[in-house]
Amino acid sequence: MDVLPHVMQVLDEVLGLGGRGLAFTRDTPLLGAVPELDSMAVVALITMLEERLDIELPDDEIEARAFATVGALADLVSAHRAA
C-alpha cells in the first residue's frame, strides 16, 4: 500500500490546508516551511496517522528529520505499516 496519499490527506486535514496538502509531493518540505505545522499540530498529526493507518510510531523515532519532507514522513509511516 502506498501511504503517501494517506499522509498527504492527513496533513491536509490536520493542518487545515483546504486541499493544498493534496498537491504536496514527496519532496515538499514540512518542518519550518509549512507555518501550520507547529508542535501541537505534530502531536495531532501523529495521533491521526496512528489511528487512520493502525500503526504505532515509537517516541524515539519522532524527531525533526521525520518531518523534514512529506516523503520522510511517508517513509516513517511505511516502515511501521510493514512491521
C-alpha atoms as a PDB file:
ATOM      1  CA  MET A   1       0.000   0.000   0.000  1.00  0.00           C
ATOM      2  CA  ASP A   2       1.338   3.406  -0.968  1.00  0.00           C
ATOM      3  CA  VAL A   3       0.967   5.507   2.168  1.00  0.00           C
ATOM      4  CA  LEU A   4       1.908   8.807   0.504  1.00  0.00           C
ATOM      5  CA  PRO A   5      -1.675   9.772  -0.468  1.00  0.00           C
ATOM      6  CA  HIS A   6      -2.860   8.915   3.044  1.00  0.00           C
ATOM      7  CA  VAL A   7      -0.109  11.003   4.624  1.00  0.00           C
ATOM      8  CA  MET A   8      -0.980  13.919   2.334  1.00  0.00           C
ATOM      9  CA  GLN A   9      -4.670  13.628   3.236  1.00  0.00           C
ATOM     10  CA  VAL A  10      -3.937  13.591   6.957  1.00  0.00           C
ATOM     11  CA  LEU A  11      -1.564  16.553   6.598  1.00  0.00           C
ATOM     12  CA  ASP A  12      -4.240  18.473   4.740  1.00  0.00           C
ATOM     13  CA  GLU A  13      -6.910  17.719   7.350  1.00  0.00           C
ATOM     14  CA  VAL A  14      -4.825  18.235  10.488  1.00  0.00           C
ATOM     15  CA  LEU A  15      -3.198  21.425   9.250  1.00  0.00           C
ATOM     16  CA  GLY A  16      -6.440  22.795   7.798  1.00  0.00           C
ATOM     17  CA  LEU A  17      -4.866  23.385   4.397  1.00  0.00           C
ATOM     18  CA  GLY A  18      -8.126  23.300   2.454  1.00  0.00           C
ATOM     19  CA  GLY A  19      -6.824  20.939  -0.212  1.00  0.00           C
ATOM     20  CA  ARG A  20      -3.335  22.452  -0.605  1.00  0.00           C
ATOM     21  CA  GLY A  21      -1.815  19.423   1.121  1.00  0.00           C
ATOM     22  CA  LEU A  22      -3.146  17.154  -1.600  1.00  0.00           C
ATOM     23  CA  ALA A  23      -0.794  18.867  -4.072  1.00  0.00           C
ATOM     24  CA  PHE A  24       2.281  18.109  -1.956  1.00  0.00           C
ATOM     25  CA  THR A  25       4.968  15.813  -3.357  1.00  0.00           C
ATOM     26  CA  ARG A  26       7.499  13.591  -1.606  1.00  0.00           C
ATOM     27  CA  ASP A  27       9.974  16.482  -1.787  1.00  0.00           C
ATOM     28  CA  THR A  28       7.692  19.114  -0.256  1.00  0.00           C
ATOM     29  CA  PRO A  29       9.424  20.495   2.848  1.00  0.00           C
ATOM     30  CA  LEU A  30       7.376  20.450   6.028  1.00  0.00           C
ATOM     31  CA  LEU A  31       9.040  21.464   9.277  1.00  0.00           C
ATOM     32  CA  GLY A  32       9.942  25.121   9.076  1.00  0.00           C
ATOM     33  CA  ALA A  33       8.309  25.522   5.651  1.00  0.00           C
ATOM     34  CA  VAL A  34       4.626  24.987   6.455  1.00  0.00           C
ATOM     35  CA  PRO A  35       3.647  27.562   9.115  1.00  0.00           C
ATOM     36  CA  GLU A  36       0.654  25.486  10.228  1.00  0.00           C
ATOM     37  CA  LEU A  37       2.982  22.650  11.313  1.00  0.00           C
ATOM     38  CA  ASP A  38       3.732  23.674  14.886  1.00  0.00           C
ATOM     39  CA  SER A  39       4.359  21.461  17.906  1.00  0.00           C
ATOM     40  CA  MET A  40       0.654  20.992  18.636  1.00  0.00           C
ATOM     41  CA  ALA A  41      -0.014  20.078  15.010  1.00  0.00           C
ATOM     42  CA  VAL A  42       2.786  17.485  15.123  1.00  0.00           C
ATOM     43  CA  VAL A  43       1.053  15.763  18.044  1.00  0.00           C
ATOM     44  CA  ALA A  44      -2.319  15.819  16.256  1.00  0.00           C
ATOM     45  CA  LEU A  45      -0.696  14.593  13.046  1.00  0.00           C
ATOM     46  CA  ILE A  46       0.982  11.651  14.766  1.00  0.00           C
ATOM     47  CA  THR A  47      -2.239  10.726  16.542  1.00  0.00           C
ATOM     48  CA  MET A  48      -4.315  10.801  13.366  1.00  0.00           C
ATOM     49  CA  LEU A  49      -1.727   8.841  11.348  1.00  0.00           C
ATOM     50  CA  GLU A  50      -1.625   6.175  14.051  1.00  0.00           C
ATOM     51  CA  GLU A  51      -5.416   5.925  14.178  1.00  0.00           C
ATOM     52  CA  ARG A  52      -6.054   6.003  10.433  1.00  0.00           C
ATOM     53  CA  LEU A  53      -3.280   3.623   9.433  1.00  0.00           C
ATOM     54  CA  ASP A  54      -3.396   1.369  12.509  1.00  0.00           C
ATOM     55  CA  ILE A  55       0.250   1.886  13.421  1.00  0.00           C
ATOM     56  CA  GLU A  56       2.231   2.958  16.455  1.00  0.00           C
ATOM     57  CA  LEU A  57       5.091   5.381  15.965  1.00  0.00           C
ATOM     58  CA  PRO A  58       7.675   4.943  18.721  1.00  0.00           C
ATOM     59  CA  ASP A  59       8.553   8.136  20.583  1.00  0.00           C
ATOM     60  CA  ASP A  60      12.258   7.697  19.849  1.00  0.00           C
ATOM     61  CA  GLU A  61      11.576   7.855  16.097  1.00  0.00           C
ATOM     62  CA  ILE A  62       9.594  11.076  16.257  1.00  0.00           C
ATOM     63  CA  GLU A  63      12.275  13.628  15.529  1.00  0.00           C
ATOM     64  CA  ALA A  64      12.747  16.619  13.258  1.00  0.00           C
ATOM     65  CA  ARG A  65      14.181  14.647  10.329  1.00  0.00           C
ATOM     66  CA  ALA A  66      10.995  12.547  10.158  1.00  0.00           C
ATOM     67  CA  PHE A  67       9.121  15.782   9.451  1.00  0.00           C
ATOM     68  CA  ALA A  68      11.662  17.322   7.068  1.00  0.00           C
ATOM     69  CA  THR A  69       9.641  16.430   3.971  1.00  0.00           C
ATOM     70  CA  VAL A  70       6.406  14.696   3.078  1.00  0.00           C
ATOM     71  CA  GLY A  71       8.488  11.767   1.798  1.00  0.00           C
ATOM     72  CA  ALA A  72      10.403  11.425   5.069  1.00  0.00           C
ATOM     73  CA  LEU A  73       7.134  11.264   6.979  1.00  0.00           C
ATOM     74  CA  ALA A  74       5.665   8.766   4.493  1.00  0.00           C
ATOM     75  CA  ASP A  75       8.798   6.606   4.827  1.00  0.00           C
ATOM     76  CA  LEU A  76       8.459   6.569   8.616  1.00  0.00           C
ATOM     77  CA  VAL A  77       4.809   5.552   8.333  1.00  0.00           C
ATOM     78  CA  SER A  78       5.623   2.904   5.700  1.00  0.00           C
ATOM     79  CA  ALA A  79       8.279   1.347   7.897  1.00  0.00           C
ATOM     80  CA  HIS A  80       5.728   0.816  10.648  1.00  0.00           C
ATOM     81  CA  ARG A  81       2.977  -0.430   8.354  1.00  0.00           C
ATOM     82  CA  ALA A  82       5.296  -3.198   7.216  1.00  0.00           C
ATOM     83  CA  ALA A  83       6.197  -4.161  10.783  1.00  0.00           C
END
